Amino acid sequence: MYPKFLTRLLTSPASDELKLTICRIVLKGDKQEEKTAEVNKYAVLVGPLMELYKTSLPKMATLACAALINVSLGNKETKQQLMNDGAAQIISQRLDSKDEPVLLNTLMLARNLSITGNYRRALTMYNVVEKLIGILVGTGIPDADYSPKIKLANTQLLSSFC
């Protein structure tokens, strides 16, 4: 019942601060002893979290993406739901982000989903590999290159497509 209440709050015209707090609640849910049960109970939040992930507010998108990573980690059904809700297309769009936390969390979410061949194919259909190669090559602007964290996460994700 509690996750459904959180879902209702996320889909309501509630304040951004409340929505950010709900994302943090989902992130803390990962620290519970019964990790699998906690993650499964938050699966109902996937749709609303995906909507927050699409927003133009970097902090909101970052926390929503981190919450999606936690909710889907080790859960095939939730990963399938993410893919059905258009995660591949959103990930492809978010790989163009200039905001480092958004980009880093996007790379980690994509890595989480790229474990399965079908999901890798879906990501490939949205030019994710080409965008990963672009990140690997760098910005081409002196003193404006990606951080080592971005480069590492990008290389790890890119290697899953080999």
Protein backbone atom coordinates (compact mmCIF):
# COMPACT_ATOMS: atom_id res chain seq x y z
CA MET A 1 0.00 0.00 0.00
CA TYR A 2 2.85 2.41 0.82
CA PRO A 3 4.44 2.19 -2.67
CA LYS A 4 1.05 2.86 -4.26
CA PHE A 5 0.71 5.96 -2.09
CA LEU A 6 4.16 7.11 -3.25
CA THR A 7 3.10 6.44 -6.85
CA ARG A 8 0.04 8.63 -6.37
CA LEU A 9 2.22 11.43 -4.97
CA LEU A 10 4.69 11.16 -7.86
CA THR A 11 1.91 11.45 -10.43
CA SER A 12 0.16 14.31 -8.66
CA PRO A 13 0.98 17.99 -9.10
CA ALA A 14 3.06 17.78 -5.91
CA SER A 15 6.09 19.97 -5.39
CA ASP A 16 9.45 19.06 -6.87
CA GLU A 17 10.92 18.80 -3.37
CA LEU A 18 8.35 16.15 -2.42
CA LYS A 19 9.13 14.18 -5.59
CA LEU A 20 12.88 14.41 -4.86
CA THR A 21 12.21 13.13 -1.34
CA ILE A 22 10.29 10.15 -2.71
CA CYS A 23 13.24 9.33 -5.00
CA ARG A 24 15.50 9.41 -1.93
CA ILE A 25 13.09 7.06 -0.09
CA VAL A 26 13.36 4.58 -2.95
CA LEU A 27 17.16 4.89 -2.88
CA LYS A 28 17.25 4.18 0.85
CA GLY A 29 14.98 1.18 0.34
CA ASP A 30 18.02 -0.56 -1.15
CA LYS A 31 19.71 -0.62 2.27
CA GLN A 32 17.05 -2.81 3.86
CA GLU A 33 17.95 -6.36 4.88
CA GLU A 34 15.33 -7.90 2.61
CA LYS A 35 16.65 -6.22 -0.52
CA THR A 36 14.68 -8.27 -3.04
CA ALA A 37 11.39 -7.77 -1.25
CA GLU A 38 12.04 -4.03 -0.91
CA VAL A 39 12.94 -3.66 -4.58
CA ASN A 40 9.91 -5.63 -5.73
CA LYS A 41 7.54 -3.58 -3.62
CA TYR A 42 8.78 -0.40 -5.31
CA ALA A 43 8.29 -1.80 -8.84
CA VAL A 44 4.97 0.06 -9.07
CA LEU A 45 6.98 3.29 -9.11
CA VAL A 46 8.72 2.53 -12.42
CA GLY A 47 6.28 4.50 -14.60
CA PRO A 48 6.27 7.65 -12.46
CA LEU A 49 10.04 7.47 -11.98
CA MET A 50 10.49 7.21 -15.75
CA GLU A 51 8.45 10.40 -16.14
CA LEU A 52 10.69 12.17 -13.61
CA TYR A 53 13.77 10.84 -15.41
CA LYS A 54 12.58 12.61 -18.58
CA THR A 55 12.33 16.03 -16.90
CA SER A 56 14.62 18.90 -17.75
CA LEU A 57 15.57 19.35 -14.09
CA PRO A 58 19.01 17.69 -13.70
CA LYS A 59 18.66 16.94 -9.97
CA MET A 60 15.23 15.35 -10.52
CA ALA A 61 16.44 13.31 -13.50
CA THR A 62 19.53 12.16 -11.58
CA LEU A 63 17.63 10.97 -8.51
CA ALA A 64 14.87 9.36 -10.59
CA CYS A 65 17.48 7.48 -12.63
CA ALA A 66 19.31 6.35 -9.48
CA ALA A 67 15.99 5.13 -8.05
CA LEU A 68 15.30 3.22 -11.29
CA ILE A 69 18.70 1.55 -10.99
CA ASN A 70 17.91 0.43 -7.44
CA VAL A 71 14.41 -0.75 -8.29
CA SER A 72 15.57 -2.79 -11.29
CA LEU A 73 18.83 -4.20 -9.93
CA GLY A 74 18.57 -7.99 -10.02
CA ASN A 75 14.89 -7.91 -10.96
CA LYS A 76 14.04 -9.24 -14.44
CA GLU A 77 10.39 -8.21 -14.29
CA THR A 78 11.22 -4.62 -13.43
CA LYS A 79 13.86 -4.46 -16.17
CA GLN A 80 11.26 -5.72 -18.64
CA GLN A 81 8.84 -3.07 -17.43
CA LEU A 82 11.51 -0.41 -17.91
CA MET A 83 12.15 -1.55 -21.46
CA ASN A 84 8.40 -1.68 -22.19
CA ASP A 85 8.10 1.89 -20.88
CA GLY A 86 10.70 3.14 -23.39
CA ALA A 87 13.89 3.09 -21.35
CA ALA A 88 16.09 2.50 -24.41
CA GLN A 89 14.89 5.67 -26.11
CA ILE A 90 15.15 7.78 -22.96
CA ILE A 91 18.65 6.45 -22.24
CA SER A 92 19.68 7.37 -25.77
CA GLN A 93 18.37 10.91 -25.27
CA ARG A 94 20.01 11.24 -21.85
CA LEU A 95 23.40 10.20 -23.23
CA ASP A 96 23.45 13.65 -24.84
CA SER A 97 23.24 15.31 -21.42
CA LYS A 98 25.90 17.81 -20.44
CA ASP A 99 25.08 17.29 -16.75
CA GLU A 100 27.62 14.84 -15.31
CA PRO A 101 25.40 13.21 -12.61
CA VAL A 102 22.61 12.66 -15.16
CA LEU A 103 25.08 11.19 -17.65
CA LEU A 104 26.79 8.98 -15.05
CA ASN A 105 23.50 7.57 -13.75
CA THR A 106 22.28 7.05 -17.31
CA LEU A 107 25.40 5.03 -18.08
CA MET A 108 24.84 2.94 -14.94
CA LEU A 109 21.17 2.34 -15.79
CA ALA A 110 22.10 1.32 -19.32
CA ARG A 111 24.76 -1.04 -17.92
CA ASN A 112 22.17 -2.54 -15.60
CA LEU A 113 19.86 -3.17 -18.58
CA SER A 114 22.56 -4.27 -21.04
CA ILE A 115 23.07 -7.61 -19.31
CA THR A 116 20.44 -9.22 -21.56
CA GLY A 117 20.98 -9.59 -25.30
CA ASN A 118 17.45 -8.43 -26.16
CA TYR A 119 17.93 -5.26 -24.17
CA ARG A 120 21.31 -4.62 -25.80
CA ARG A 121 19.61 -4.91 -29.21
CA ALA A 122 16.93 -2.43 -28.12
CA LEU A 123 19.60 0.01 -26.94
CA THR A 124 21.45 -0.45 -30.24
CA MET A 125 18.28 0.43 -32.18
CA TYR A 126 18.38 3.87 -30.52
CA ASN A 127 22.04 4.52 -31.49
CA VAL A 128 23.35 4.04 -27.96
CA VAL A 129 26.58 2.42 -29.18
CA GLU A 130 27.33 5.37 -31.46
CA LYS A 131 26.75 7.77 -28.57
CA LEU A 132 29.01 5.69 -26.30
CA ILE A 133 31.77 5.86 -28.92
CA GLY A 134 31.25 9.64 -29.04
CA ILE A 135 31.73 9.82 -25.28
CA LEU A 136 34.83 7.62 -25.59
CA VAL A 137 36.32 9.95 -28.21
CA GLY A 138 35.65 12.94 -25.96
CA THR A 139 34.30 16.41 -26.40
CA GLY A 140 37.13 17.70 -28.58
CA ILE A 141 37.17 20.84 -26.48
CA PRO A 142 40.36 21.49 -24.49
CA ASP A 143 39.82 21.31 -20.72
CA ALA A 144 36.20 20.18 -21.23
CA ASP A 145 36.66 16.44 -21.38
CA TYR A 146 34.56 13.91 -19.50
CA SER A 147 35.52 12.96 -15.95
CA PRO A 148 37.33 9.68 -15.18
CA LYS A 149 34.07 8.33 -13.64
CA ILE A 150 32.19 8.96 -16.90
CA LYS A 151 34.99 7.44 -18.95
CA LEU A 152 35.09 4.31 -16.77
CA ALA A 153 31.31 3.82 -16.73
CA ASN A 154 31.22 4.42 -20.48
CA THR A 155 33.99 1.89 -21.18
CA GLN A 156 32.30 -0.73 -18.97
CA LEU A 157 29.00 -0.24 -20.79
CA LEU A 158 30.61 -0.20 -24.22
CA SER A 159 32.40 -3.49 -23.46
CA SER A 160 29.04 -5.19 -22.85
CA PHE A 161 28.19 -4.62 -26.50
CA CYS A 162 31.33 -6.46 -27.73
